[in-house]
């Protein structure tokens, strides 16, 4: 059984990163208000924390915990790539 506190930690970090990228509708105005660079930095910080968790917990997670962590890392990496693509175009 997954540790609910660990899953909550992962979701918090992912949510923070996605919010910074404007992927959460309620907070999408924050991306415009704070500027892309600040939001990108927040998302990158969340991604780095998730990557540290991934390295430090490797082999110690059950399947659902590992999937939540992997999915969160993937989501933020994709969001940052999309943000960079928009940045290059504009």
N, C-alpha and C. Protein backbone atom coordinates (compact mmCIF):
# COMPACT_ATOMS: atom_id res chain seq x y z
N UNK A 1 0.84 -1.18 0.00
CA UNK A 1 0.00 0.00 0.00
C UNK A 1 0.89 1.24 0.00
N UNK A 2 0.51 2.22 -0.82
CA UNK A 2 1.27 3.45 -0.95
C UNK A 2 1.18 4.28 0.33
N UNK A 3 2.27 4.93 0.67
CA UNK A 3 2.31 5.84 1.81
C UNK A 3 1.61 7.13 1.38
N UNK A 4 0.50 7.47 2.00
CA UNK A 4 -0.29 8.63 1.58
C UNK A 4 0.48 9.94 1.75
N UNK A 5 1.34 10.04 2.73
CA UNK A 5 2.14 11.25 2.91
C UNK A 5 3.14 11.42 1.77
N UNK A 6 3.74 10.32 1.34
CA UNK A 6 4.70 10.36 0.23
C UNK A 6 3.99 10.76 -1.06
N UNK A 7 2.83 10.16 -1.32
CA UNK A 7 2.06 10.50 -2.52
C UNK A 7 1.63 11.96 -2.46
N UNK A 8 1.24 12.45 -1.30
CA UNK A 8 0.87 13.86 -1.15
C UNK A 8 2.05 14.78 -1.44
N UNK A 9 3.23 14.40 -0.99
CA UNK A 9 4.43 15.17 -1.27
C UNK A 9 4.67 15.26 -2.78
N UNK A 10 4.58 14.14 -3.46
CA UNK A 10 4.77 14.12 -4.91
C UNK A 10 3.73 15.03 -5.58
N UNK A 11 2.48 14.87 -5.21
CA UNK A 11 1.42 15.68 -5.83
C UNK A 11 1.62 17.17 -5.56
N UNK A 12 2.08 17.51 -4.37
CA UNK A 12 2.33 18.91 -4.05
C UNK A 12 3.42 19.49 -4.94
N UNK A 13 4.50 18.76 -5.11
CA UNK A 13 5.59 19.24 -5.96
C UNK A 13 5.16 19.34 -7.42
N UNK A 14 4.42 18.36 -7.90
CA UNK A 14 3.93 18.40 -9.27
C UNK A 14 2.97 19.57 -9.45
N UNK A 15 2.05 19.74 -8.52
CA UNK A 15 1.07 20.82 -8.60
C UNK A 15 1.77 22.19 -8.60
N UNK A 16 2.77 22.35 -7.77
CA UNK A 16 3.53 23.60 -7.73
C UNK A 16 4.18 23.87 -9.08
N UNK A 17 4.81 22.85 -9.64
CA UNK A 17 5.47 23.01 -10.94
C UNK A 17 4.48 23.29 -12.05
N UNK A 18 3.38 22.56 -12.08
CA UNK A 18 2.38 22.77 -13.12
C UNK A 18 1.72 24.14 -12.97
N UNK A 19 1.50 24.58 -11.75
CA UNK A 19 0.92 25.91 -11.53
C UNK A 19 1.85 26.97 -12.08
N UNK A 20 3.13 26.81 -11.84
CA UNK A 20 4.11 27.78 -12.33
C UNK A 20 4.14 27.81 -13.85
N UNK A 21 3.84 26.69 -14.48
CA UNK A 21 3.83 26.63 -15.93
C UNK A 21 2.49 27.06 -16.52
N UNK A 22 1.53 27.37 -15.65
CA UNK A 22 0.23 27.80 -16.12
C UNK A 22 -0.67 26.67 -16.54
N UNK A 23 -0.36 25.44 -16.11
CA UNK A 23 -1.13 24.28 -16.51
C UNK A 23 -2.35 24.06 -15.61
N UNK A 24 -2.44 24.78 -14.53
CA UNK A 24 -3.61 24.69 -13.66
C UNK A 24 -4.45 25.93 -13.96
N UNK A 25 -5.64 25.74 -14.50
CA UNK A 25 -6.47 26.84 -14.98
C UNK A 25 -6.67 27.95 -13.96
N UNK A 26 -6.93 27.59 -12.71
CA UNK A 26 -7.20 28.59 -11.69
C UNK A 26 -6.01 29.51 -11.49
N UNK A 27 -4.82 29.00 -11.67
CA UNK A 27 -3.62 29.79 -11.41
C UNK A 27 -2.91 30.24 -12.68
N UNK A 28 -3.55 30.07 -13.83
CA UNK A 28 -2.86 30.39 -15.08
C UNK A 28 -2.50 31.87 -15.20
N UNK A 29 -3.25 32.73 -14.56
CA UNK A 29 -2.92 34.15 -14.62
C UNK A 29 -1.60 34.45 -13.92
N UNK A 30 -1.20 33.58 -13.00
CA UNK A 30 0.07 33.78 -12.31
C UNK A 30 1.23 33.76 -13.29
N UNK A 31 1.15 32.93 -14.31
CA UNK A 31 2.21 32.85 -15.30
C UNK A 31 2.42 34.21 -15.96
N UNK A 32 1.35 34.89 -16.30
CA UNK A 32 1.46 36.21 -16.92
C UNK A 32 1.89 37.25 -15.90
N UNK A 33 1.32 37.20 -14.71
CA UNK A 33 1.60 38.21 -13.69
C UNK A 33 3.06 38.16 -13.21
N UNK A 34 3.55 36.98 -12.95
CA UNK A 34 4.90 36.85 -12.39
C UNK A 34 5.98 36.80 -13.46
N UNK A 35 5.60 36.54 -14.66
CA UNK A 35 6.57 36.44 -15.73
C UNK A 35 7.02 35.01 -15.94
N UNK A 36 7.37 34.75 -17.18
CA UNK A 36 7.72 33.39 -17.59
C UNK A 36 8.98 32.91 -16.88
N UNK A 37 9.96 33.77 -16.71
CA UNK A 37 11.23 33.33 -16.11
C UNK A 37 11.06 32.87 -14.67
N UNK A 38 10.31 33.63 -13.90
CA UNK A 38 10.09 33.25 -12.50
C UNK A 38 9.30 31.94 -12.43
N UNK A 39 8.30 31.81 -13.28
CA UNK A 39 7.50 30.59 -13.29
C UNK A 39 8.32 29.38 -13.73
N UNK A 40 9.17 29.59 -14.73
CA UNK A 40 10.03 28.51 -15.19
C UNK A 40 10.97 28.07 -14.08
N UNK A 41 11.51 29.02 -13.34
CA UNK A 41 12.43 28.71 -12.24
C UNK A 41 11.71 27.89 -11.16
N UNK A 42 10.47 28.24 -10.86
CA UNK A 42 9.69 27.50 -9.86
C UNK A 42 9.45 26.07 -10.33
N UNK A 43 9.06 25.92 -11.59
CA UNK A 43 8.81 24.59 -12.15
C UNK A 43 10.09 23.76 -12.16
N UNK A 44 11.21 24.38 -12.52
CA UNK A 44 12.49 23.66 -12.53
C UNK A 44 12.89 23.22 -11.13
N UNK A 45 12.63 24.06 -10.15
CA UNK A 45 12.95 23.70 -8.75
C UNK A 45 12.10 22.50 -8.31
N UNK A 46 10.83 22.51 -8.65
CA UNK A 46 9.96 21.36 -8.31
C UNK A 46 10.46 20.10 -9.01
N UNK A 47 10.84 20.24 -10.28
CA UNK A 47 11.36 19.09 -11.02
C UNK A 47 12.63 18.55 -10.38
N UNK A 48 13.54 19.44 -10.00
CA UNK A 48 14.79 18.98 -9.34
C UNK A 48 14.49 18.23 -8.04
N UNK A 49 13.54 18.73 -7.26
CA UNK A 49 13.18 18.04 -6.02
C UNK A 49 12.60 16.65 -6.30
N UNK A 50 11.75 16.56 -7.32
CA UNK A 50 11.21 15.25 -7.68
C UNK A 50 12.30 14.31 -8.17
N UNK A 51 13.26 14.84 -8.93
CA UNK A 51 14.37 14.01 -9.41
C UNK A 51 15.24 13.52 -8.25
N UNK A 52 15.46 14.37 -7.26
CA UNK A 52 16.22 13.96 -6.06
C UNK A 52 15.45 12.85 -5.34
N UNK A 53 14.15 13.03 -5.18
CA UNK A 53 13.34 11.98 -4.56
C UNK A 53 13.44 10.68 -5.34
N UNK A 54 13.43 10.78 -6.64
CA UNK A 54 13.51 9.59 -7.49
C UNK A 54 14.82 8.84 -7.25
N UNK A 55 15.91 9.58 -7.23
CA UNK A 55 17.23 8.96 -7.02
C UNK A 55 17.34 8.38 -5.60
N UNK A 56 16.93 9.15 -4.62
CA UNK A 56 17.10 8.73 -3.23
C UNK A 56 16.17 7.60 -2.80
N UNK A 57 15.05 7.43 -3.51
CA UNK A 57 14.09 6.39 -3.12
C UNK A 57 14.11 5.19 -4.06
N UNK A 58 14.99 5.21 -5.06
CA UNK A 58 15.06 4.12 -6.03
C UNK A 58 15.18 2.77 -5.32
N UNK A 59 14.29 1.86 -5.66
CA UNK A 59 14.30 0.52 -5.08
C UNK A 59 13.54 0.41 -3.77
N UNK A 60 13.05 1.53 -3.27
CA UNK A 60 12.35 1.52 -1.98
C UNK A 60 10.87 1.89 -2.09
N UNK A 61 10.37 2.01 -3.30
CA UNK A 61 8.98 2.42 -3.49
C UNK A 61 8.15 1.24 -3.98
N UNK A 62 6.87 1.25 -3.62
CA UNK A 62 6.00 0.25 -4.20
C UNK A 62 5.57 0.75 -5.58
N UNK A 63 4.82 -0.04 -6.32
CA UNK A 63 4.49 0.27 -7.70
C UNK A 63 3.71 1.58 -7.84
N UNK A 64 2.75 1.83 -6.98
CA UNK A 64 1.95 3.05 -7.12
C UNK A 64 2.76 4.29 -6.76
N UNK A 65 3.64 4.20 -5.78
CA UNK A 65 4.50 5.33 -5.43
C UNK A 65 5.47 5.63 -6.57
N UNK A 66 6.08 4.59 -7.11
CA UNK A 66 7.02 4.77 -8.22
C UNK A 66 6.33 5.37 -9.43
N UNK A 67 5.12 4.93 -9.73
CA UNK A 67 4.38 5.46 -10.87
C UNK A 67 4.01 6.92 -10.64
N UNK A 68 3.59 7.28 -9.45
CA UNK A 68 3.25 8.68 -9.15
C UNK A 68 4.47 9.57 -9.33
N UNK A 69 5.61 9.11 -8.87
CA UNK A 69 6.85 9.88 -8.98
C UNK A 69 7.28 9.99 -10.44
N UNK A 70 7.28 8.89 -11.16
CA UNK A 70 7.67 8.88 -12.57
C UNK A 70 6.74 9.77 -13.39
N UNK A 71 5.46 9.67 -13.14
CA UNK A 71 4.47 10.47 -13.86
C UNK A 71 4.67 11.96 -13.58
N UNK A 72 4.94 12.31 -12.34
CA UNK A 72 5.16 13.70 -11.99
C UNK A 72 6.39 14.28 -12.67
N UNK A 73 7.48 13.53 -12.67
CA UNK A 73 8.71 13.97 -13.33
C UNK A 73 8.44 14.17 -14.83
N UNK A 74 7.78 13.21 -15.43
CA UNK A 74 7.47 13.28 -16.87
C UNK A 74 6.60 14.51 -17.18
N UNK A 75 5.60 14.75 -16.36
CA UNK A 75 4.69 15.87 -16.59
C UNK A 75 5.43 17.21 -16.56
N UNK A 76 6.28 17.39 -15.57
CA UNK A 76 7.01 18.65 -15.47
C UNK A 76 8.05 18.79 -16.57
N UNK A 77 8.71 17.72 -16.94
CA UNK A 77 9.67 17.78 -18.06
C UNK A 77 8.97 18.20 -19.34
N UNK A 78 7.82 17.61 -19.61
CA UNK A 78 7.06 17.95 -20.81
C UNK A 78 6.59 19.40 -20.77
N UNK A 79 6.11 19.84 -19.62
CA UNK A 79 5.67 21.22 -19.48
C UNK A 79 6.78 22.21 -19.70
N UNK A 80 7.96 21.90 -19.18
CA UNK A 80 9.11 22.79 -19.38
C UNK A 80 9.54 22.81 -20.84
N UNK A 81 9.47 21.66 -21.51
CA UNK A 81 9.80 21.63 -22.94
C UNK A 81 8.81 22.48 -23.74
N UNK A 82 7.53 22.40 -23.40
CA UNK A 82 6.52 23.21 -24.09
C UNK A 82 6.78 24.69 -23.84
N UNK A 83 7.10 25.05 -22.62
CA UNK A 83 7.39 26.44 -22.30
C UNK A 83 8.60 26.93 -23.09
N UNK A 84 9.61 26.11 -23.19
CA UNK A 84 10.81 26.49 -23.93
C UNK A 84 10.49 26.64 -25.42
N UNK A 85 9.64 25.80 -25.96
CA UNK A 85 9.25 25.89 -27.36
C UNK A 85 8.51 27.21 -27.63
N UNK A 86 7.65 27.60 -26.71
CA UNK A 86 6.93 28.87 -26.85
C UNK A 86 7.90 30.03 -26.75
N UNK A 87 8.85 29.91 -25.86
CA UNK A 87 9.86 30.95 -25.67
C UNK A 87 10.69 31.16 -26.93
N UNK A 88 11.04 30.05 -27.60
CA UNK A 88 11.85 30.12 -28.81
C UNK A 88 11.07 30.77 -29.94
N UNK A 89 9.78 30.47 -30.04
CA UNK A 89 8.94 31.00 -31.10
C UNK A 89 8.70 32.49 -30.94
N UNK A 90 8.53 32.94 -29.70
CA UNK A 90 8.20 34.35 -29.47
C UNK A 90 9.42 35.23 -29.36
